[in-house]
Amino acid sequence: MNSKITVCAALFVSGVMYAQDWMSDRRMAADLMANGTSIDTDRATLWFENGQLTSDEMKNFADLVNQGIQDIEAYLGVTRTSTRKIRYFICTQVEISHSRFQSIYLPLSKVQNRTAPYLHETTHILAPCDRCPMWFSEGLASFVQSYVSEHTGGYDGQIFSRRGNQGIDQDARRWMSNDRGRAVVSFVGTNGEPPGIDDDRRNVAAPFYVMGQSLVKFIIEHAAPEKLRPCYTTRDFDSELEQATGKTGAEWKDLWLAQLAR
C-alpha cells in the first residue's frame, strides 16, 4: 500500500497540555497540521507530532489505519457518504483517545506501544450511532475493534477488556461479581449512563464498557450484524432495535444476563 509522507519544516513545540474539549482539539489539530508530519493514504490522513516516531513507524501505523477502515466498512456493511478522508491526530498532548467531528485523536505513547484503540475510534466514525445509548455505541465500537483484529488484521487496543471478544463474557462476569460492576449494570441495555463515567475510568467506565461489549456481542451472535445496520443512523434507537431484531434492549439484556449466569 502506497502512502505519501510529507514532513513539515517546523517542529511541534507548543508544549501545551490540551483539555479534552472541542476547542482544544481544534487548536491541537491546527498546530499539528501546521507543524507536524503528515501521511496521506487512500482513506485517511494522519498527522504526527515530530521527533517521536521514525518514518517507518509512522508509515506502518498509517497503513494499519487505512486497512482498518476498509475492514470495518466490509464487516459492518457501511459506506461513508462523505468523500473527505478520516483525519487522525497523534500527539503526546492527547490524554485519552477520542473521536470528534470526523477526526480521531490518539495518544502518541499508545501508538508507540501498539495499544492505541484506533479500530474502536474508527468504528465511531463509520457507525456514528449519534442517537444510540452509550452502552450500545461504546459496546459496538469495542466489539468491532476486537472482531476485526481477531479475524482480519491489526491489533486490539483493549481499552478495558483483557482478551477481546474471546474473553469479554468472562470479564463481564468478573465485574458483576463485585460492587463496582453491580453499581453500573442497571445502565447497560437501557438509556442513560452511570454517574462518574467521565471522571472515574477505572471504577465506572471500565465495568460499563466491558458489559456493553459483552451485551453487543450477544446481540450480534443471535441477530447478525447486518440487522443492526439501521440502528447506526436512526433517530429512535429503541424502536429500531426492536424492529430490526424482534427484541427490545431490555429483553436482550435479560437473555444476556441469563447466559452469563449459566
C-alpha atoms as a PDB file:
ATOM      1  CA  MET A   1       0.000   0.000   0.000  1.00  0.00           C
ATOM      2  CA  ASN A   2       1.453   3.319  -1.036  1.00  0.00           C
ATOM      3  CA  SER A   3       1.471   6.158   1.469  1.00  0.00           C
ATOM      4  CA  LYS A   4       2.519   9.704   0.713  1.00  0.00           C
ATOM      5  CA  ILE A   5       4.689  11.135   3.514  1.00  0.00           C
ATOM      6  CA  THR A   6       5.066  14.889   3.965  1.00  0.00           C
ATOM      7  CA  VAL A   7       7.484  16.185   6.598  1.00  0.00           C
ATOM      8  CA  CYS A   8       6.850  19.784   7.577  1.00  0.00           C
ATOM      9  CA  ALA A   9       9.824  22.006   8.237  1.00  0.00           C
ATOM     10  CA  ALA A  10       8.780  23.352  11.625  1.00  0.00           C
ATOM     11  CA  LEU A  11       8.793  21.388  14.871  1.00  0.00           C
ATOM     12  CA  PHE A  12       5.790  20.812  17.130  1.00  0.00           C
ATOM     13  CA  VAL A  13       6.947  22.736  20.170  1.00  0.00           C
ATOM     14  CA  SER A  14       3.818  24.220  21.729  1.00  0.00           C
ATOM     15  CA  GLY A  15       4.159  22.101  24.879  1.00  0.00           C
ATOM     16  CA  VAL A  16       0.532  22.796  25.791  1.00  0.00           C
ATOM     17  CA  MET A  17      -1.467  20.126  27.637  1.00  0.00           C
ATOM     18  CA  TYR A  18      -4.770  20.351  25.811  1.00  0.00           C
ATOM     19  CA  ALA A  19      -8.008  19.612  27.659  1.00  0.00           C
ATOM     20  CA  GLN A  20     -10.380  17.141  26.035  1.00  0.00           C
ATOM     21  CA  ASP A  21     -12.904  19.611  24.615  1.00  0.00           C
ATOM     22  CA  TRP A  22     -13.662  20.572  21.052  1.00  0.00           C
ATOM     23  CA  MET A  23     -11.927  23.951  21.181  1.00  0.00           C
ATOM     24  CA  SER A  24      -8.731  22.393  22.496  1.00  0.00           C
ATOM     25  CA  ASP A  25      -8.962  19.610  19.913  1.00  0.00           C
ATOM     26  CA  ARG A  26      -9.312  22.237  17.214  1.00  0.00           C
ATOM     27  CA  ARG A  27      -6.226  24.132  18.390  1.00  0.00           C
ATOM     28  CA  MET A  28      -4.200  20.950  18.693  1.00  0.00           C
ATOM     29  CA  ALA A  29      -5.255  19.810  15.210  1.00  0.00           C
ATOM     30  CA  ALA A  30      -4.290  23.178  13.724  1.00  0.00           C
ATOM     31  CA  ASP A  31      -0.921  23.013  15.487  1.00  0.00           C
ATOM     32  CA  LEU A  32      -0.202  19.514  14.184  1.00  0.00           C
ATOM     33  CA  MET A  33      -1.328  20.333  10.640  1.00  0.00           C
ATOM     34  CA  ALA A  34       0.967  23.364  10.614  1.00  0.00           C
ATOM     35  CA  ASN A  35       3.984  21.872  12.347  1.00  0.00           C
ATOM     36  CA  GLY A  36       3.724  18.080  12.366  1.00  0.00           C
ATOM     37  CA  THR A  37       4.401  15.222   9.973  1.00  0.00           C
ATOM     38  CA  SER A  38       1.543  14.165   7.708  1.00  0.00           C
ATOM     39  CA  ILE A  39       0.906  10.865   5.962  1.00  0.00           C
ATOM     40  CA  ASP A  40      -1.811  10.532   3.344  1.00  0.00           C
ATOM     41  CA  THR A  41      -3.424   7.169   2.488  1.00  0.00           C
ATOM     42  CA  ASP A  42      -6.406   6.095   0.403  1.00  0.00           C
ATOM     43  CA  ARG A  43      -8.915   6.561   3.216  1.00  0.00           C
ATOM     44  CA  ALA A  44      -7.181   8.651   5.864  1.00  0.00           C
ATOM     45  CA  THR A  45      -4.790  11.483   6.558  1.00  0.00           C
ATOM     46  CA  LEU A  46      -2.679  11.245   9.686  1.00  0.00           C
ATOM     47  CA  TRP A  47      -0.681  13.940  11.460  1.00  0.00           C
ATOM     48  CA  PHE A  48       2.088  13.012  13.910  1.00  0.00           C
ATOM     49  CA  GLU A  49       3.966  15.092  16.408  1.00  0.00           C
ATOM     50  CA  ASN A  50       7.522  15.472  15.146  1.00  0.00           C
ATOM     51  CA  GLY A  51      10.547  13.763  16.616  1.00  0.00           C
ATOM     52  CA  GLN A  52       8.739  10.880  18.310  1.00  0.00           C
ATOM     53  CA  LEU A  53       8.384   8.137  15.678  1.00  0.00           C
ATOM     54  CA  THR A  54      10.554   7.045  12.781  1.00  0.00           C
ATOM     55  CA  SER A  55       9.315   7.374   9.210  1.00  0.00           C
ATOM     56  CA  ASP A  56       8.797   3.609   9.057  1.00  0.00           C
ATOM     57  CA  GLU A  57       6.816   3.595  12.317  1.00  0.00           C
ATOM     58  CA  MET A  58       4.549   6.360  11.058  1.00  0.00           C
ATOM     59  CA  LYS A  59       4.030   4.702   7.687  1.00  0.00           C
ATOM     60  CA  ASN A  60       3.324   1.312   9.263  1.00  0.00           C
ATOM     61  CA  PHE A  61       0.677   2.800  11.541  1.00  0.00           C
ATOM     62  CA  ALA A  62      -0.862   4.748   8.666  1.00  0.00           C
ATOM     63  CA  ASP A  63      -1.142   1.521   6.679  1.00  0.00           C
ATOM     64  CA  LEU A  64      -2.773  -0.208   9.678  1.00  0.00           C
ATOM     65  CA  VAL A  65      -5.308   2.625   9.936  1.00  0.00           C
ATOM     66  CA  ASN A  66      -6.095   2.571   6.226  1.00  0.00           C
ATOM     67  CA  GLN A  67      -6.605  -1.193   6.231  1.00  0.00           C
ATOM     68  CA  GLY A  68      -8.665  -0.941   9.422  1.00  0.00           C
ATOM     69  CA  ILE A  69     -11.092   1.484   7.784  1.00  0.00           C
ATOM     70  CA  GLN A  70     -11.546  -0.924   4.877  1.00  0.00           C
ATOM     71  CA  ASP A  71     -12.029  -3.908   7.190  1.00  0.00           C
ATOM     72  CA  ILE A  72     -14.594  -2.145   9.392  1.00  0.00           C
ATOM     73  CA  GLU A  73     -16.559  -0.963   6.356  1.00  0.00           C
ATOM     74  CA  ALA A  74     -16.599  -4.506   4.975  1.00  0.00           C
ATOM     75  CA  TYR A  75     -17.659  -6.120   8.252  1.00  0.00           C
ATOM     76  CA  LEU A  76     -20.404  -3.628   9.112  1.00  0.00           C
ATOM     77  CA  GLY A  77     -21.513  -3.195   5.502  1.00  0.00           C
ATOM     78  CA  VAL A  78     -21.318   0.583   5.734  1.00  0.00           C
ATOM     79  CA  THR A  79     -20.021   3.153   3.292  1.00  0.00           C
ATOM     80  CA  ARG A  80     -19.184   6.719   4.205  1.00  0.00           C
ATOM     81  CA  THR A  81     -21.276   9.266   2.360  1.00  0.00           C
ATOM     82  CA  SER A  82     -18.573  11.897   2.795  1.00  0.00           C
ATOM     83  CA  THR A  83     -15.661  11.915   0.349  1.00  0.00           C
ATOM     84  CA  ARG A  84     -13.491  13.566   2.991  1.00  0.00           C
ATOM     85  CA  LYS A  85     -10.847  11.294   4.443  1.00  0.00           C
ATOM     86  CA  ILE A  86     -10.891  10.485   8.143  1.00  0.00           C
ATOM     87  CA  ARG A  87      -8.308  12.572   9.979  1.00  0.00           C
ATOM     88  CA  TYR A  88      -6.087  11.166  12.740  1.00  0.00           C
ATOM     89  CA  PHE A  89      -4.041  13.313  15.111  1.00  0.00           C
ATOM     90  CA  ILE A  90      -1.314  11.515  17.058  1.00  0.00           C
ATOM     91  CA  CYS A  91       0.283  13.590  19.769  1.00  0.00           C
ATOM     92  CA  THR A  92       1.803  13.427  23.274  1.00  0.00           C
ATOM     93  CA  GLN A  93      -0.742  16.039  24.383  1.00  0.00           C
ATOM     94  CA  VAL A  94      -3.721  13.702  23.870  1.00  0.00           C
ATOM     95  CA  GLU A  95      -4.578  12.168  27.233  1.00  0.00           C
ATOM     96  CA  ILE A  96      -7.481   9.869  26.270  1.00  0.00           C
ATOM     97  CA  SER A  97      -8.250   8.521  22.805  1.00  0.00           C
ATOM     98  CA  HIS A  98     -11.432  10.004  21.368  1.00  0.00           C
ATOM     99  CA  SER A  99     -13.199  10.938  18.140  1.00  0.00           C
ATOM    100  CA  ARG A 100     -14.884  14.209  17.269  1.00  0.00           C
ATOM    101  CA  PHE A 101     -16.159  15.863  14.068  1.00  0.00           C
ATOM    102  CA  GLN A 102     -14.889  13.130  11.722  1.00  0.00           C
ATOM    103  CA  SER A 103     -11.460  13.305  13.375  1.00  0.00           C
ATOM    104  CA  ILE A 104      -9.689  10.910  15.747  1.00  0.00           C
ATOM    105  CA  TYR A 105      -7.215  11.867  18.462  1.00  0.00           C
ATOM    106  CA  LEU A 106      -4.755   9.261  19.782  1.00  0.00           C
ATOM    107  CA  PRO A 107      -2.031   9.463  22.465  1.00  0.00           C
ATOM    108  CA  LEU A 108       1.324   9.051  20.812  1.00  0.00           C
ATOM    109  CA  SER A 109       2.544   6.691  23.532  1.00  0.00           C
ATOM    110  CA  LYS A 110      -0.238   4.242  22.684  1.00  0.00           C
ATOM    111  CA  VAL A 111       0.746   4.277  19.027  1.00  0.00           C
ATOM    112  CA  GLN A 112       4.341   3.625  20.075  1.00  0.00           C
ATOM    113  CA  ASN A 113       3.473   0.587  22.196  1.00  0.00           C
ATOM    114  CA  ARG A 114       0.672  -0.698  19.935  1.00  0.00           C
ATOM    115  CA  THR A 115      -2.174  -0.197  22.388  1.00  0.00           C
ATOM    116  CA  ALA A 116      -3.956   2.622  20.524  1.00  0.00           C
ATOM    117  CA  PRO A 117      -7.700   1.911  20.146  1.00  0.00           C
ATOM    118  CA  TYR A 118      -7.648   3.114  16.553  1.00  0.00           C
ATOM    119  CA  LEU A 119     -10.182   0.496  15.417  1.00  0.00           C
ATOM    120  CA  HIS A 120     -12.547   1.445  18.263  1.00  0.00           C
ATOM    121  CA  GLU A 121     -12.430   5.152  17.411  1.00  0.00           C
ATOM    122  CA  THR A 122     -12.689   4.474  13.676  1.00  0.00           C
ATOM    123  CA  THR A 123     -15.878   2.497  14.302  1.00  0.00           C
ATOM    124  CA  HIS A 124     -17.354   5.595  15.964  1.00  0.00           C
ATOM    125  CA  ILE A 125     -16.782   7.495  12.711  1.00  0.00           C
ATOM    126  CA  LEU A 126     -18.070   4.794  10.352  1.00  0.00           C
ATOM    127  CA  ALA A 127     -21.060   3.813  12.534  1.00  0.00           C
ATOM    128  CA  PRO A 128     -21.745   7.120  14.316  1.00  0.00           C
ATOM    129  CA  CYS A 129     -24.717   5.998  16.456  1.00  0.00           C
ATOM    130  CA  ASP A 130     -25.434   9.603  17.423  1.00  0.00           C
ATOM    131  CA  ARG A 131     -28.819   8.638  18.894  1.00  0.00           C
ATOM    132  CA  CYS A 132     -27.721   5.314  20.383  1.00  0.00           C
ATOM    133  CA  PRO A 133     -27.432   4.808  24.143  1.00  0.00           C
ATOM    134  CA  MET A 134     -23.842   4.732  25.366  1.00  0.00           C
ATOM    135  CA  TRP A 135     -23.838   1.019  26.198  1.00  0.00           C
ATOM    136  CA  PHE A 136     -24.534   0.266  22.540  1.00  0.00           C
ATOM    137  CA  SER A 137     -22.270   2.825  20.844  1.00  0.00           C
ATOM    138  CA  GLU A 138     -19.275   2.017  23.057  1.00  0.00           C
ATOM    139  CA  GLY A 139     -20.053  -1.690  23.138  1.00  0.00           C
ATOM    140  CA  LEU A 140     -20.277  -1.819  19.345  1.00  0.00           C
ATOM    141  CA  ALA A 141     -17.001   0.059  18.880  1.00  0.00           C
ATOM    142  CA  SER A 142     -15.216  -2.268  21.305  1.00  0.00           C
ATOM    143  CA  PHE A 143     -16.776  -5.382  19.757  1.00  0.00           C
ATOM    144  CA  VAL A 144     -15.785  -4.345  16.219  1.00  0.00           C
ATOM    145  CA  GLN A 145     -12.271  -3.479  17.378  1.00  0.00           C
ATOM    146  CA  SER A 146     -11.850  -6.964  18.785  1.00  0.00           C
ATOM    147  CA  TYR A 147     -13.595  -8.722  15.888  1.00  0.00           C
ATOM    148  CA  VAL A 148     -11.525  -7.053  13.175  1.00  0.00           C
ATOM    149  CA  SER A 149      -8.225  -7.609  14.980  1.00  0.00           C
ATOM    150  CA  GLU A 150      -9.120 -11.249  15.667  1.00  0.00           C
ATOM    151  CA  HIS A 151     -10.365 -12.107  12.173  1.00  0.00           C
ATOM    152  CA  THR A 152      -8.831  -9.668   9.703  1.00  0.00           C
ATOM    153  CA  GLY A 153      -5.765  -7.869  10.995  1.00  0.00           C
ATOM    154  CA  GLY A 154      -4.400  -5.010  13.026  1.00  0.00           C
ATOM    155  CA  TYR A 155      -4.388  -5.074  16.793  1.00  0.00           C
ATOM    156  CA  ASP A 156      -6.905  -4.704  19.600  1.00  0.00           C
ATOM    157  CA  GLY A 157      -6.380  -1.573  21.676  1.00  0.00           C
ATOM    158  CA  GLN A 158      -8.127  -3.356  24.571  1.00  0.00           C
ATOM    159  CA  ILE A 159      -9.455  -0.263  26.312  1.00  0.00           C
ATOM    160  CA  PHE A 160     -10.785  -2.237  29.258  1.00  0.00           C
ATOM    161  CA  SER A 161     -11.057  -5.852  28.106  1.00  0.00           C
ATOM    162  CA  ARG A 162      -8.371  -8.456  28.702  1.00  0.00           C
ATOM    163  CA  ARG A 163      -8.745 -10.898  25.806  1.00  0.00           C
ATOM    164  CA  GLY A 164     -11.010  -9.217  23.272  1.00  0.00           C
ATOM    165  CA  ASN A 165     -14.292 -10.824  22.294  1.00  0.00           C
ATOM    166  CA  GLN A 166     -12.981 -14.253  23.247  1.00  0.00           C
ATOM    167  CA  GLY A 167     -12.756 -13.273  26.904  1.00  0.00           C
ATOM    168  CA  ILE A 168     -15.296 -10.461  27.182  1.00  0.00           C
ATOM    169  CA  ASP A 169     -18.036 -12.580  28.774  1.00  0.00           C
ATOM    170  CA  GLN A 170     -15.622 -13.779  31.420  1.00  0.00           C
ATOM    171  CA  ASP A 171     -14.611 -10.157  32.046  1.00  0.00           C
ATOM    172  CA  ALA A 172     -18.276  -9.181  32.384  1.00  0.00           C
ATOM    173  CA  ARG A 173     -18.894 -11.952  34.910  1.00  0.00           C
ATOM    174  CA  ARG A 174     -15.861 -10.849  36.874  1.00  0.00           C
ATOM    175  CA  TRP A 175     -17.128  -7.271  37.056  1.00  0.00           C
ATOM    176  CA  MET A 176     -20.629  -8.299  38.071  1.00  0.00           C
ATOM    177  CA  SER A 177     -19.200 -10.262  40.974  1.00  0.00           C
ATOM    178  CA  ASN A 178     -18.106  -7.074  42.749  1.00  0.00           C
ATOM    179  CA  ASP A 179     -19.692  -3.827  43.896  1.00  0.00           C
ATOM    180  CA  ARG A 180     -18.238  -1.708  41.083  1.00  0.00           C
ATOM    181  CA  GLY A 181     -19.837  -3.842  38.386  1.00  0.00           C
ATOM    182  CA  ARG A 182     -23.144  -4.194  40.185  1.00  0.00           C
ATOM    183  CA  ALA A 183     -23.297  -0.394  40.544  1.00  0.00           C
ATOM    184  CA  VAL A 184     -23.349   0.152  36.759  1.00  0.00           C
ATOM    185  CA  VAL A 185     -25.113  -2.931  35.355  1.00  0.00           C
ATOM    186  CA  SER A 186     -28.519  -1.236  35.639  1.00  0.00           C
ATOM    187  CA  PHE A 187     -27.361   1.282  32.997  1.00  0.00           C
ATOM    188  CA  VAL A 188     -26.485  -1.453  30.477  1.00  0.00           C
ATOM    189  CA  GLY A 189     -29.238  -2.213  27.985  1.00  0.00           C
ATOM    190  CA  THR A 190     -31.113   0.998  28.838  1.00  0.00           C
ATOM    191  CA  ASN A 191     -30.848   4.699  28.118  1.00  0.00           C
ATOM    192  CA  GLY A 192     -28.621   6.825  30.274  1.00  0.00           C
ATOM    193  CA  GLU A 193     -25.123   6.391  31.601  1.00  0.00           C
ATOM    194  CA  PRO A 194     -23.701   5.819  35.070  1.00  0.00           C
ATOM    195  CA  PRO A 195     -22.650   8.875  37.102  1.00  0.00           C
ATOM    196  CA  GLY A 196     -18.914   9.477  37.092  1.00  0.00           C
ATOM    197  CA  ILE A 197     -18.202   7.653  33.860  1.00  0.00           C
ATOM    198  CA  ASP A 198     -16.132  10.551  32.517  1.00  0.00           C
ATOM    199  CA  ASP A 199     -14.184  11.094  35.727  1.00  0.00           C
ATOM    200  CA  ASP A 200     -13.676   7.583  37.104  1.00  0.00           C
ATOM    201  CA  ARG A 201     -12.380   5.432  34.294  1.00  0.00           C
ATOM    202  CA  ARG A 202     -11.191   2.603  36.492  1.00  0.00           C
ATOM    203  CA  ASN A 203     -14.256   2.036  38.657  1.00  0.00           C
ATOM    204  CA  VAL A 204     -17.139   3.217  36.447  1.00  0.00           C
ATOM    205  CA  ALA A 205     -16.110   3.321  32.781  1.00  0.00           C
ATOM    206  CA  ALA A 206     -14.231   0.009  32.876  1.00  0.00           C
ATOM    207  CA  PRO A 207     -17.128  -2.224  34.003  1.00  0.00           C
ATOM    208  CA  PHE A 208     -19.619  -0.291  31.874  1.00  0.00           C
ATOM    209  CA  TYR A 209     -17.580  -0.630  28.672  1.00  0.00           C
ATOM    210  CA  VAL A 210     -16.886  -4.322  29.297  1.00  0.00           C
ATOM    211  CA  MET A 211     -20.555  -5.122  29.912  1.00  0.00           C
ATOM    212  CA  GLY A 212     -21.609  -3.081  26.891  1.00  0.00           C
ATOM    213  CA  GLN A 213     -19.215  -5.031  24.665  1.00  0.00           C
ATOM    214  CA  SER A 214     -20.414  -8.334  26.085  1.00  0.00           C
ATOM    215  CA  LEU A 215     -24.079  -7.442  25.501  1.00  0.00           C
ATOM    216  CA  VAL A 216     -23.452  -6.198  21.936  1.00  0.00           C
ATOM    217  CA  LYS A 217     -21.526  -9.400  21.207  1.00  0.00           C
ATOM    218  CA  PHE A 218     -24.502 -11.414  22.491  1.00  0.00           C
ATOM    219  CA  ILE A 219     -26.953  -9.491  20.283  1.00  0.00           C
ATOM    220  CA  ILE A 220     -24.784  -9.830  17.171  1.00  0.00           C
ATOM    221  CA  GLU A 221     -24.313 -13.558  17.753  1.00  0.00           C
ATOM    222  CA  HIS A 222     -28.086 -14.017  17.806  1.00  0.00           C
ATOM    223  CA  ALA A 223     -29.257 -11.349  15.368  1.00  0.00           C
ATOM    224  CA  ALA A 224     -26.392 -10.937  12.815  1.00  0.00           C
ATOM    225  CA  PRO A 225     -24.522  -7.651  12.317  1.00  0.00           C
ATOM    226  CA  GLU A 226     -26.413  -6.609   9.175  1.00  0.00           C
ATOM    227  CA  LYS A 227     -29.679  -6.436  11.123  1.00  0.00           C
ATOM    228  CA  LEU A 228     -28.209  -3.762  13.356  1.00  0.00           C
ATOM    229  CA  ARG A 229     -27.163  -1.507  10.473  1.00  0.00           C
ATOM    230  CA  PRO A 230     -30.285   0.712  10.625  1.00  0.00           C
ATOM    231  CA  CYS A 231     -29.556   1.387  14.314  1.00  0.00           C
ATOM    232  CA  TYR A 232     -26.400   3.320  13.480  1.00  0.00           C
ATOM    233  CA  THR A 233     -28.251   6.272  11.960  1.00  0.00           C
ATOM    234  CA  THR A 234     -31.774   6.042  13.370  1.00  0.00           C
ATOM    235  CA  ARG A 235     -33.408   8.823  15.370  1.00  0.00           C
ATOM    236  CA  ASP A 236     -35.270   6.306  17.537  1.00  0.00           C
ATOM    237  CA  PHE A 237     -32.833   3.625  18.647  1.00  0.00           C
ATOM    238  CA  ASP A 238     -35.221   1.694  20.896  1.00  0.00           C
ATOM    239  CA  SER A 239     -37.850   1.281  18.188  1.00  0.00           C
ATOM    240  CA  GLU A 240     -35.272   0.477  15.518  1.00  0.00           C
ATOM    241  CA  LEU A 241     -33.575  -2.173  17.650  1.00  0.00           C
ATOM    242  CA  GLU A 242     -36.889  -3.888  18.362  1.00  0.00           C
ATOM    243  CA  GLN A 243     -37.966  -3.738  14.735  1.00  0.00           C
ATOM    244  CA  ALA A 244     -34.599  -4.965  13.445  1.00  0.00           C
ATOM    245  CA  THR A 245     -34.059  -7.797  15.935  1.00  0.00           C
ATOM    246  CA  GLY A 246     -37.510  -8.577  17.300  1.00  0.00           C
ATOM    247  CA  LYS A 247     -36.498  -7.686  20.865  1.00  0.00           C
ATOM    248  CA  THR A 248     -36.098  -4.570  22.958  1.00  0.00           C
ATOM    249  CA  GLY A 249     -32.865  -3.659  24.656  1.00  0.00           C
ATOM    250  CA  ALA A 250     -34.312  -4.762  27.998  1.00  0.00           C
ATOM    251  CA  GLU A 251     -35.297  -8.154  26.549  1.00  0.00           C
ATOM    252  CA  TRP A 252     -31.840  -8.650  25.079  1.00  0.00           C
ATOM    253  CA  LYS A 253     -30.343  -7.734  28.429  1.00  0.00           C
ATOM    254  CA  ASP A 254     -32.425 -10.324  30.280  1.00  0.00           C
ATOM    255  CA  LEU A 255     -31.315 -13.053  27.873  1.00  0.00           C
ATOM    256  CA  TRP A 256     -27.703 -11.926  28.105  1.00  0.00           C
ATOM    257  CA  LEU A 257     -27.727 -11.947  31.902  1.00  0.00           C
ATOM    258  CA  ALA A 258     -29.270 -15.413  31.901  1.00  0.00           C
ATOM    259  CA  GLN A 259     -26.498 -16.696  29.638  1.00  0.00           C
ATOM    260  CA  LEU A 260     -23.788 -15.155  31.816  1.00  0.00           C
ATOM    261  CA  ALA A 261     -25.355 -16.747  34.863  1.00  0.00           C
ATOM    262  CA  ARG A 262     -25.079 -20.174  33.213  1.00  0.00           C
END
